[in-house]
Amino acid sequence: TTRAAGPRGPSRAAPSDDGSTTAEAFLSSWGFSDAELLKVSKRYGQHFTPDVQNKIRPLLRWLSELGLTDFEVRKTVVVFPRVLRTRLEETSKPAVAWLKKLGMDDKQLAKTITTHPQLLSLSLEDNLKPRVQWLKELGMDSAQVSKAITTFPNLMGYSFEENLKPKVAMLLRLGFASSQIVRALTSFPALLGYSSKRLEHRAQVVDASGTLTIEALIGRMSLTDAKFTSCFGQ
């Protein structure tokens, strides 16, 4: 499904193409407010002088062509200004093309990019493909993987050895079947975003209460420590 881009003001064409336009002026022409520009500059991580002609202009145009609205384009840059440094042809475009082949539609892509634009800087071969393959080996199909990535894109940046594999191994050790873990990661992939200590402690406490199911664990993980303690006494 093609998503209509948001309205674009006449100032979009204002910056010249002679290479003299500053990054701030060009972004301002796209509708970035002074407050947004300040955030972008501070979060960029170094002197804010990205190449307008070879970096900013092609990136913003491409994001618009993907179907992101002007608001979503601005949010993407404000959330992760270092996206202005990404190698568009070598990294970002291949990653998005591959996610489309996986089955993500335009709406899912826009949501994923807007909420976690860091995804555009991840290596297809080193990050995305291995993690998707691992999820499939757990038993997830392409539709379930697409949903998990859209819901919790951070999953694609987590370490195998320090995060993903140990947590899944823990859930298996606690008695959950692979099918239950697949169900959990499809509906609530942020489960793997909690610390191992919190995950194991809460699973053990819920298990001791005699109500340990994957749904019960998911429901208890998001409780504050105070609320959890009031419910289970520890």
C-alpha atoms as a PDB file:
ATOM      1  CA  THR A   1       0.000   0.000   0.000  1.00  0.00           C
ATOM      2  CA  THR A   2       1.409   3.367  -1.007  1.00  0.00           C
ATOM      3  CA  ARG A   3       1.288   6.015   1.676  1.00  0.00           C
ATOM      4  CA  ALA A   4       0.686   9.570   0.635  1.00  0.00           C
ATOM      5  CA  ALA A   5       3.384  11.960   1.731  1.00  0.00           C
ATOM      6  CA  GLY A   6       2.442  14.994   3.759  1.00  0.00           C
ATOM      7  CA  PRO A   7       2.014  18.437   2.241  1.00  0.00           C
ATOM      8  CA  ARG A   8       5.192  20.140   1.203  1.00  0.00           C
ATOM      9  CA  GLY A   9       5.671  23.871   1.344  1.00  0.00           C
ATOM     10  CA  PRO A  10       6.892  25.943  -1.603  1.00  0.00           C
ATOM     11  CA  SER A  11      10.138  26.677   0.217  1.00  0.00           C
ATOM     12  CA  ARG A  12      11.313  23.103  -0.480  1.00  0.00           C
ATOM     13  CA  ALA A  13      13.004  24.226  -3.674  1.00  0.00           C
ATOM     14  CA  ALA A  14      14.443  27.369  -2.130  1.00  0.00           C
ATOM     15  CA  PRO A  15      18.042  26.208  -1.448  1.00  0.00           C
ATOM     16  CA  SER A  16      20.318  26.554  -4.432  1.00  0.00           C
ATOM     17  CA  ASP A  17      22.112  23.590  -5.971  1.00  0.00           C
ATOM     18  CA  ASP A  18      25.475  25.335  -6.208  1.00  0.00           C
ATOM     19  CA  GLY A  19      26.818  23.671  -3.058  1.00  0.00           C
ATOM     20  CA  SER A  20      26.715  26.830  -0.968  1.00  0.00           C
ATOM     21  CA  THR A  21      23.620  25.951   1.077  1.00  0.00           C
ATOM     22  CA  THR A  22      24.340  25.164   4.720  1.00  0.00           C
ATOM     23  CA  ALA A  23      22.888  22.084   6.397  1.00  0.00           C
ATOM     24  CA  GLU A  24      20.786  24.264   8.704  1.00  0.00           C
ATOM     25  CA  ALA A  25      19.352  26.277   5.818  1.00  0.00           C
ATOM     26  CA  PHE A  26      18.531  23.197   3.816  1.00  0.00           C
ATOM     27  CA  LEU A  27      16.828  21.434   6.729  1.00  0.00           C
ATOM     28  CA  SER A  28      14.947  24.625   7.520  1.00  0.00           C
ATOM     29  CA  SER A  29      13.603  24.603   3.971  1.00  0.00           C
ATOM     30  CA  TRP A  30      12.172  21.153   4.693  1.00  0.00           C
ATOM     31  CA  GLY A  31      10.207  22.559   7.593  1.00  0.00           C
ATOM     32  CA  PHE A  32      12.564  21.822  10.501  1.00  0.00           C
ATOM     33  CA  SER A  33      11.822  24.240  13.338  1.00  0.00           C
ATOM     34  CA  ASP A  34      14.569  26.070  15.218  1.00  0.00           C
ATOM     35  CA  ALA A  35      14.033  23.720  18.174  1.00  0.00           C
ATOM     36  CA  GLU A  36      14.380  20.666  15.916  1.00  0.00           C
ATOM     37  CA  LEU A  37      17.503  22.062  14.290  1.00  0.00           C
ATOM     38  CA  LEU A  38      19.046  22.628  17.714  1.00  0.00           C
ATOM     39  CA  LYS A  39      18.359  19.008  18.692  1.00  0.00           C
ATOM     40  CA  VAL A  40      19.805  17.727  15.419  1.00  0.00           C
ATOM     41  CA  SER A  41      22.948  19.816  15.814  1.00  0.00           C
ATOM     42  CA  LYS A  42      23.515  18.742  19.435  1.00  0.00           C
ATOM     43  CA  ARG A  43      22.851  15.059  18.776  1.00  0.00           C
ATOM     44  CA  TYR A  44      24.926  14.864  15.622  1.00  0.00           C
ATOM     45  CA  GLY A  45      28.028  14.214  17.707  1.00  0.00           C
ATOM     46  CA  GLN A  46      30.532  16.531  16.060  1.00  0.00           C
ATOM     47  CA  HIS A  47      30.678  19.860  14.255  1.00  0.00           C
ATOM     48  CA  PHE A  48      27.430  19.916  12.290  1.00  0.00           C
ATOM     49  CA  THR A  49      28.610  20.190   8.690  1.00  0.00           C
ATOM     50  CA  PRO A  50      27.075  17.235   6.813  1.00  0.00           C
ATOM     51  CA  ASP A  51      27.282  17.399   3.036  1.00  0.00           C
ATOM     52  CA  VAL A  52      23.992  18.818   1.736  1.00  0.00           C
ATOM     53  CA  GLN A  53      24.343  17.696  -1.875  1.00  0.00           C
ATOM     54  CA  ASN A  54      25.785  14.225  -1.306  1.00  0.00           C
ATOM     55  CA  LYS A  55      24.255  13.276   2.049  1.00  0.00           C
ATOM     56  CA  ILE A  56      21.261  15.296   3.259  1.00  0.00           C
ATOM     57  CA  ARG A  57      19.422  15.972  -0.006  1.00  0.00           C
ATOM     58  CA  PRO A  58      19.559  12.356  -1.315  1.00  0.00           C
ATOM     59  CA  LEU A  59      18.575  10.936   2.077  1.00  0.00           C
ATOM     60  CA  LEU A  60      15.544  13.169   2.619  1.00  0.00           C
ATOM     61  CA  ARG A  61      14.387  12.689  -0.958  1.00  0.00           C
ATOM     62  CA  TRP A  62      14.695   8.899  -0.590  1.00  0.00           C
ATOM     63  CA  LEU A  63      12.786   8.860   2.702  1.00  0.00           C
ATOM     64  CA  SER A  64       9.994  10.807   1.035  1.00  0.00           C
ATOM     65  CA  GLU A  65       9.971   8.397  -1.892  1.00  0.00           C
ATOM     66  CA  LEU A  66       9.556   5.529   0.590  1.00  0.00           C
ATOM     67  CA  GLY A  67       6.298   7.150   1.642  1.00  0.00           C
ATOM     68  CA  LEU A  68       7.303   8.919   4.847  1.00  0.00           C
ATOM     69  CA  THR A  69       5.421  12.138   5.440  1.00  0.00           C
ATOM     70  CA  ASP A  70       7.350  15.359   6.013  1.00  0.00           C
ATOM     71  CA  PHE A  71       6.661  14.997   9.728  1.00  0.00           C
ATOM     72  CA  GLU A  72       8.069  11.448   9.709  1.00  0.00           C
ATOM     73  CA  VAL A  73      11.154  12.545   7.784  1.00  0.00           C
ATOM     74  CA  ARG A  74      11.828  15.293  10.320  1.00  0.00           C
ATOM     75  CA  LYS A  75      11.253  12.934  13.227  1.00  0.00           C
ATOM     76  CA  THR A  76      13.666  10.401  11.732  1.00  0.00           C
ATOM     77  CA  VAL A  77      16.442  12.988  11.540  1.00  0.00           C
ATOM     78  CA  VAL A  78      15.704  14.512  14.957  1.00  0.00           C
ATOM     79  CA  VAL A  79      15.666  11.122  16.688  1.00  0.00           C
ATOM     80  CA  PHE A  80      18.893   9.969  15.027  1.00  0.00           C
ATOM     81  CA  PRO A  81      20.804  12.828  13.362  1.00  0.00           C
ATOM     82  CA  ARG A  82      23.672  10.482  12.575  1.00  0.00           C
ATOM     83  CA  VAL A  83      21.427   9.076   9.871  1.00  0.00           C
ATOM     84  CA  LEU A  84      22.788  12.038   7.900  1.00  0.00           C
ATOM     85  CA  ARG A  85      26.151  10.240   7.886  1.00  0.00           C
ATOM     86  CA  THR A  86      24.895   6.869   6.695  1.00  0.00           C
ATOM     87  CA  ARG A  87      26.014   5.436   3.404  1.00  0.00           C
ATOM     88  CA  LEU A  88      22.717   5.536   1.551  1.00  0.00           C
ATOM     89  CA  GLU A  89      23.601   3.338  -1.412  1.00  0.00           C
ATOM     90  CA  GLU A  90      25.796   0.872   0.471  1.00  0.00           C
ATOM     91  CA  THR A  91      23.845   0.481   3.731  1.00  0.00           C
ATOM     92  CA  SER A  92      20.392   2.065   4.008  1.00  0.00           C
ATOM     93  CA  LYS A  93      18.895   1.217   0.621  1.00  0.00           C
ATOM     94  CA  PRO A  94      19.973  -2.452   0.632  1.00  0.00           C
ATOM     95  CA  ALA A  95      18.599  -2.851   4.169  1.00  0.00           C
ATOM     96  CA  VAL A  96      15.204  -1.412   3.268  1.00  0.00           C
ATOM     97  CA  ALA A  97      15.001  -3.365   0.006  1.00  0.00           C
ATOM     98  CA  TRP A  98      15.705  -6.558   1.924  1.00  0.00           C
ATOM     99  CA  LEU A  99      13.087  -5.751   4.582  1.00  0.00           C
ATOM    100  CA  LYS A 100      10.565  -5.267   1.775  1.00  0.00           C
ATOM    101  CA  LYS A 101      11.434  -8.706   0.415  1.00  0.00           C
ATOM    102  CA  LEU A 102      10.917 -10.063   3.902  1.00  0.00           C
ATOM    103  CA  GLY A 103       7.342  -8.854   3.643  1.00  0.00           C
ATOM    104  CA  MET A 104       7.264  -5.463   5.353  1.00  0.00           C
ATOM    105  CA  ASP A 105       4.778  -3.108   3.724  1.00  0.00           C
ATOM    106  CA  ASP A 106       5.121   0.666   3.339  1.00  0.00           C
ATOM    107  CA  LYS A 107       3.260   1.390   6.572  1.00  0.00           C
ATOM    108  CA  GLN A 108       5.440  -0.993   8.576  1.00  0.00           C
ATOM    109  CA  LEU A 109       8.614   0.432   7.043  1.00  0.00           C
ATOM    110  CA  ALA A 110       7.597   4.006   7.790  1.00  0.00           C
ATOM    111  CA  LYS A 111       6.808   3.126  11.402  1.00  0.00           C
ATOM    112  CA  THR A 112      10.046   1.174  11.829  1.00  0.00           C
ATOM    113  CA  ILE A 113      12.246   3.876  10.320  1.00  0.00           C
ATOM    114  CA  THR A 114      10.528   6.674  12.241  1.00  0.00           C
ATOM    115  CA  THR A 115      10.680   4.976  15.641  1.00  0.00           C
ATOM    116  CA  HIS A 116      14.141   3.446  15.248  1.00  0.00           C
ATOM    117  CA  PRO A 117      16.063   5.173  12.429  1.00  0.00           C
ATOM    118  CA  GLN A 118      19.255   3.553  13.714  1.00  0.00           C
ATOM    119  CA  LEU A 119      18.096   0.607  11.619  1.00  0.00           C
ATOM    120  CA  LEU A 120      19.204   2.526   8.532  1.00  0.00           C
ATOM    121  CA  SER A 121      22.800   2.410   9.731  1.00  0.00           C
ATOM    122  CA  LEU A 122      22.893  -1.331  10.469  1.00  0.00           C
ATOM    123  CA  SER A 123      24.790  -3.667   8.192  1.00  0.00           C
ATOM    124  CA  LEU A 124      22.589  -5.997   6.163  1.00  0.00           C
ATOM    125  CA  GLU A 125      25.108  -8.825   6.301  1.00  0.00           C
ATOM    126  CA  ASP A 126      26.379  -8.353   9.861  1.00  0.00           C
ATOM    127  CA  ASN A 127      23.181  -7.320  11.663  1.00  0.00           C
ATOM    128  CA  LEU A 128      19.893  -7.768   9.859  1.00  0.00           C
ATOM    129  CA  LYS A 129      20.291 -11.050   8.000  1.00  0.00           C
ATOM    130  CA  PRO A 130      21.842 -13.033  10.890  1.00  0.00           C
ATOM    131  CA  ARG A 131      19.210 -11.878  13.396  1.00  0.00           C
ATOM    132  CA  VAL A 132      16.302 -12.554  11.078  1.00  0.00           C
ATOM    133  CA  GLN A 133      17.732 -15.976  10.277  1.00  0.00           C
ATOM    134  CA  TRP A 134      18.044 -16.691  14.002  1.00  0.00           C
ATOM    135  CA  LEU A 135      14.427 -15.677  14.615  1.00  0.00           C
ATOM    136  CA  LYS A 136      13.329 -17.983  11.802  1.00  0.00           C
ATOM    137  CA  GLU A 137      15.349 -20.830  13.285  1.00  0.00           C
ATOM    138  CA  LEU A 138      13.401 -20.307  16.508  1.00  0.00           C
ATOM    139  CA  GLY A 139      10.274 -21.018  14.476  1.00  0.00           C
ATOM    140  CA  MET A 140       9.064 -17.590  13.386  1.00  0.00           C
ATOM    141  CA  ASP A 141       7.832 -17.092   9.831  1.00  0.00           C
ATOM    142  CA  SER A 142       8.480 -13.983   7.706  1.00  0.00           C
ATOM    143  CA  ALA A 143       5.206 -12.307   8.711  1.00  0.00           C
ATOM    144  CA  GLN A 144       5.968 -12.825  12.413  1.00  0.00           C
ATOM    145  CA  VAL A 145       9.520 -11.518  11.983  1.00  0.00           C
ATOM    146  CA  SER A 146       8.242  -8.434  10.135  1.00  0.00           C
ATOM    147  CA  LYS A 147       5.769  -7.751  12.932  1.00  0.00           C
ATOM    148  CA  ALA A 148       8.468  -8.179  15.590  1.00  0.00           C
ATOM    149  CA  ILE A 149      10.838  -5.783  13.820  1.00  0.00           C
ATOM    150  CA  THR A 150       8.090  -3.210  13.316  1.00  0.00           C
ATOM    151  CA  THR A 151       7.024  -3.429  16.962  1.00  0.00           C
ATOM    152  CA  PHE A 152      10.528  -3.464  18.441  1.00  0.00           C
ATOM    153  CA  PRO A 153      13.234  -2.533  15.891  1.00  0.00           C
ATOM    154  CA  ASN A 154      15.892  -2.451  18.646  1.00  0.00           C
ATOM    155  CA  LEU A 155      15.905  -6.237  18.360  1.00  0.00           C
ATOM    156  CA  MET A 156      18.020  -5.964  15.215  1.00  0.00           C
ATOM    157  CA  GLY A 157      20.851  -4.240  17.063  1.00  0.00           C
ATOM    158  CA  TYR A 158      21.136  -6.549  20.071  1.00  0.00           C
ATOM    159  CA  SER A 159      24.157  -8.763  20.585  1.00  0.00           C
ATOM    160  CA  PHE A 160      23.684 -12.469  19.953  1.00  0.00           C
ATOM    161  CA  GLU A 161      26.071 -13.670  22.628  1.00  0.00           C
ATOM    162  CA  GLU A 162      25.352 -11.090  25.324  1.00  0.00           C
ATOM    163  CA  ASN A 163      21.608 -10.677  24.891  1.00  0.00           C
ATOM    164  CA  LEU A 164      19.461 -12.669  22.494  1.00  0.00           C
ATOM    165  CA  LYS A 165      20.775 -16.216  22.859  1.00  0.00           C
ATOM    166  CA  PRO A 166      21.197 -16.176  26.679  1.00  0.00           C
ATOM    167  CA  LYS A 167      17.680 -14.831  27.238  1.00  0.00           C
ATOM    168  CA  VAL A 168      16.029 -17.364  24.952  1.00  0.00           C
ATOM    169  CA  ALA A 169      18.095 -20.125  26.570  1.00  0.00           C
ATOM    170  CA  MET A 170      16.858 -18.903  29.958  1.00  0.00           C
ATOM    171  CA  LEU A 171      13.225 -19.044  28.835  1.00  0.00           C
ATOM    172  CA  LEU A 172      13.742 -22.589  27.557  1.00  0.00           C
ATOM    173  CA  ARG A 173      15.384 -23.528  30.841  1.00  0.00           C
ATOM    174  CA  LEU A 174      12.400 -22.146  32.732  1.00  0.00           C
ATOM    175  CA  GLY A 175      10.204 -24.596  30.858  1.00  0.00           C
ATOM    176  CA  PHE A 176       8.754 -22.551  28.034  1.00  0.00           C
ATOM    177  CA  ALA A 177       8.373 -24.386  24.735  1.00  0.00           C
ATOM    178  CA  SER A 178       9.806 -22.909  21.544  1.00  0.00           C
ATOM    179  CA  SER A 179       6.264 -22.319  20.261  1.00  0.00           C
ATOM    180  CA  GLN A 180       5.501 -20.226  23.356  1.00  0.00           C
ATOM    181  CA  ILE A 181       8.644 -18.165  22.870  1.00  0.00           C
ATOM    182  CA  VAL A 182       7.718 -17.581  19.230  1.00  0.00           C
ATOM    183  CA  ARG A 183       4.273 -16.430  20.333  1.00  0.00           C
ATOM    184  CA  ALA A 184       5.841 -14.089  22.869  1.00  0.00           C
ATOM    185  CA  LEU A 185       8.336 -12.575  20.437  1.00  0.00           C
ATOM    186  CA  THR A 186       5.600 -12.042  17.870  1.00  0.00           C
ATOM    187  CA  SER A 187       3.248 -10.248  20.252  1.00  0.00           C
ATOM    188  CA  PHE A 188       5.785  -8.666  22.605  1.00  0.00           C
ATOM    189  CA  PRO A 189       9.347  -8.695  21.186  1.00  0.00           C
ATOM    190  CA  ALA A 190      10.347  -6.097  23.806  1.00  0.00           C
ATOM    191  CA  LEU A 191      10.494  -9.067  26.186  1.00  0.00           C
ATOM    192  CA  LEU A 192      14.123  -9.451  25.109  1.00  0.00           C
ATOM    193  CA  GLY A 193      14.757  -5.797  25.889  1.00  0.00           C
ATOM    194  CA  TYR A 194      14.563  -6.335  29.646  1.00  0.00           C
ATOM    195  CA  SER A 195      17.655  -7.271  31.617  1.00  0.00           C
ATOM    196  CA  SER A 196      18.351 -10.955  32.186  1.00  0.00           C
ATOM    197  CA  LYS A 197      18.220 -10.382  35.947  1.00  0.00           C
ATOM    198  CA  ARG A 198      14.746  -8.826  35.794  1.00  0.00           C
ATOM    199  CA  LEU A 199      13.482 -11.455  33.359  1.00  0.00           C
ATOM    200  CA  GLU A 200      14.674 -14.418  35.395  1.00  0.00           C
ATOM    201  CA  HIS A 201      13.624 -12.990  38.770  1.00  0.00           C
ATOM    202  CA  ARG A 202      10.108 -12.203  37.657  1.00  0.00           C
ATOM    203  CA  ALA A 203       9.707 -15.542  35.897  1.00  0.00           C
ATOM    204  CA  GLN A 204      10.757 -17.367  39.062  1.00  0.00           C
ATOM    205  CA  VAL A 205       8.413 -15.321  41.261  1.00  0.00           C
ATOM    206  CA  VAL A 206       5.466 -15.794  38.925  1.00  0.00           C
ATOM    207  CA  ASP A 207       6.289 -19.499  38.672  1.00  0.00           C
ATOM    208  CA  ALA A 208       6.271 -19.811  42.472  1.00  0.00           C
ATOM    209  CA  SER A 209       2.765 -18.327  42.490  1.00  0.00           C
ATOM    210  CA  GLY A 210       1.617 -21.150  40.245  1.00  0.00           C
ATOM    211  CA  THR A 211       0.600 -18.937  37.340  1.00  0.00           C
ATOM    212  CA  LEU A 212       3.621 -19.080  35.029  1.00  0.00           C
ATOM    213  CA  THR A 213       2.527 -18.864  31.417  1.00  0.00           C
ATOM    214  CA  ILE A 214       4.200 -16.858  28.696  1.00  0.00           C
ATOM    215  CA  GLU A 215       1.248 -14.463  28.713  1.00  0.00           C
ATOM    216  CA  ALA A 216       1.501 -14.054  32.493  1.00  0.00           C
ATOM    217  CA  LEU A 217       5.223 -13.333  32.238  1.00  0.00           C
ATOM    218  CA  ILE A 218       4.658 -10.729  29.524  1.00  0.00           C
ATOM    219  CA  GLY A 219       2.000  -9.048  31.634  1.00  0.00           C
ATOM    220  CA  ARG A 220       4.264  -8.904  34.693  1.00  0.00           C
ATOM    221  CA  MET A 221       7.411  -7.658  32.926  1.00  0.00           C
ATOM    222  CA  SER A 222       6.054  -4.170  32.324  1.00  0.00           C
ATOM    223  CA  LEU A 223       5.008  -3.635  35.951  1.00  0.00           C
ATOM    224  CA  THR A 224       7.056  -1.175  37.978  1.00  0.00           C
ATOM    225  CA  ASP A 225       9.139  -2.675  40.760  1.00  0.00           C
ATOM    226  CA  ALA A 226       6.753  -1.230  43.346  1.00  0.00           C
ATOM    227  CA  LYS A 227       3.695  -2.643  41.612  1.00  0.00           C
ATOM    228  CA  PHE A 228       5.326  -6.043  41.134  1.00  0.00           C
ATOM    229  CA  THR A 229       6.305  -6.178  44.794  1.00  0.00           C
ATOM    230  CA  SER A 230       2.800  -5.238  45.901  1.00  0.00           C
ATOM    231  CA  CYS A 231       1.369  -8.048  43.753  1.00  0.00           C
ATOM    232  CA  PHE A 232       3.858 -10.787  44.628  1.00  0.00           C
ATOM    233  CA  GLY A 233       5.576  -9.600  47.809  1.00  0.00           C
ATOM    234  CA  GLN A 234       9.096  -9.757  46.397  1.00  0.00           C
END
